[in-house]
Protein backbone atom coordinates (compact mmCIF):
# COMPACT_ATOMS: atom_id res chain seq x y z
CA MET A 1 -7.83 21.99 0.62
CA GLY A 2 -5.89 19.43 -1.49
CA ASP A 3 -2.69 20.51 0.20
CA ASP A 4 -4.02 19.42 3.68
CA ARG A 5 -4.98 16.03 2.43
CA SER A 6 -1.61 15.39 0.71
CA HIS A 7 0.10 16.42 4.02
CA ARG A 8 -2.16 14.01 5.96
CA ASP A 9 -1.37 11.16 3.47
CA SER A 10 2.36 11.86 3.67
CA SER A 11 2.23 11.81 7.51
CA LEU A 12 0.28 8.57 7.45
CA ALA A 13 2.81 7.01 5.04
CA TRP A 14 5.70 8.17 7.26
CA PHE A 15 4.03 6.74 10.31
CA SER A 16 3.37 3.40 8.50
CA ASP A 17 7.02 3.25 7.44
CA PHE A 18 8.13 4.09 10.96
CA LEU A 19 6.09 1.28 12.49
CA ARG A 20 7.33 -1.22 9.90
CA ASP A 21 10.88 -0.42 10.61
CA GLU A 22 10.54 -0.45 14.38
CA LEU A 23 8.56 -3.70 14.49
CA ARG A 24 10.78 -5.64 12.03
CA PRO A 25 12.20 -8.79 13.58
CA TYR A 26 15.98 -8.99 14.28
CA PRO A 27 18.22 -11.43 16.03
CA GLY A 28 17.87 -11.29 19.75
CA ARG A 29 14.54 -9.42 19.87
CA TRP A 30 12.82 -12.25 21.76
CA ALA A 31 15.46 -12.31 24.42
CA ILE A 32 15.21 -8.54 24.90
CA VAL A 33 11.38 -8.69 25.12
CA ALA A 34 11.60 -11.57 27.64
CA ARG A 35 14.15 -9.60 29.74
CA MET A 36 11.95 -6.54 29.78
CA VAL A 37 8.75 -8.49 30.71
CA VAL A 38 10.56 -10.32 33.53
CA ALA A 39 12.12 -7.03 34.87
CA ALA A 40 8.83 -5.09 34.80
CA THR A 41 6.87 -8.01 36.30
CA ALA A 42 9.45 -8.50 39.13
CA VAL A 43 9.29 -4.76 40.05
CA ALA A 44 5.45 -4.80 39.88
CA VAL A 45 5.18 -7.95 42.14
CA VAL A 46 7.69 -6.52 44.70
CA SER A 47 5.98 -3.14 44.71
CA MET A 48 2.53 -4.65 45.20
CA ILE A 49 3.67 -6.96 47.99
CA PHE A 50 5.35 -4.24 49.96
CA ARG A 51 2.88 -1.48 48.88
CA ILE A 52 5.56 0.82 47.66
CA PRO A 53 4.15 4.25 46.70
CA HIS A 54 4.94 5.61 43.21
CA ALA A 55 6.12 2.13 42.04
CA TYR A 56 5.15 2.90 38.44
CA GLN A 57 8.48 4.79 38.24
CA GLY A 58 10.32 1.61 39.17
CA ALA A 59 8.55 -0.29 36.45
CA VAL A 60 9.41 2.31 33.81
CA TYR A 61 13.01 2.36 35.09
CA ALA A 62 13.08 -1.52 34.83
CA LEU A 63 11.95 -1.28 31.19
CA LEU A 64 14.60 1.32 30.36
CA VAL A 65 17.40 -0.51 32.06
CA SER A 66 16.58 -3.96 30.66
CA HIS A 67 16.29 -2.55 27.05
CA GLU A 68 19.13 -2.94 24.68
CA ALA A 69 21.92 -0.42 24.69
CA LEU A 70 20.91 2.69 22.73
CA GLU A 71 24.43 3.29 21.38
CA ASN A 72 24.22 0.02 19.46
CA ASN A 73 21.40 1.18 17.26
């Protein structure tokens, strides 16, 4: 029984560390967030105006494209 609780505590500690590292501020973060919000909003507005089916895929794609380059991480 004690092993299950220690495993759960270590998983919780890992998740807490993960969130802390991922949400830590860094230079240029606000610009990336603004670019992602504008891109997703523009896709959502266009898809709603023209009633484009399956537009959620476009919004996801806009978020992926506007995100920072993954090779720089």
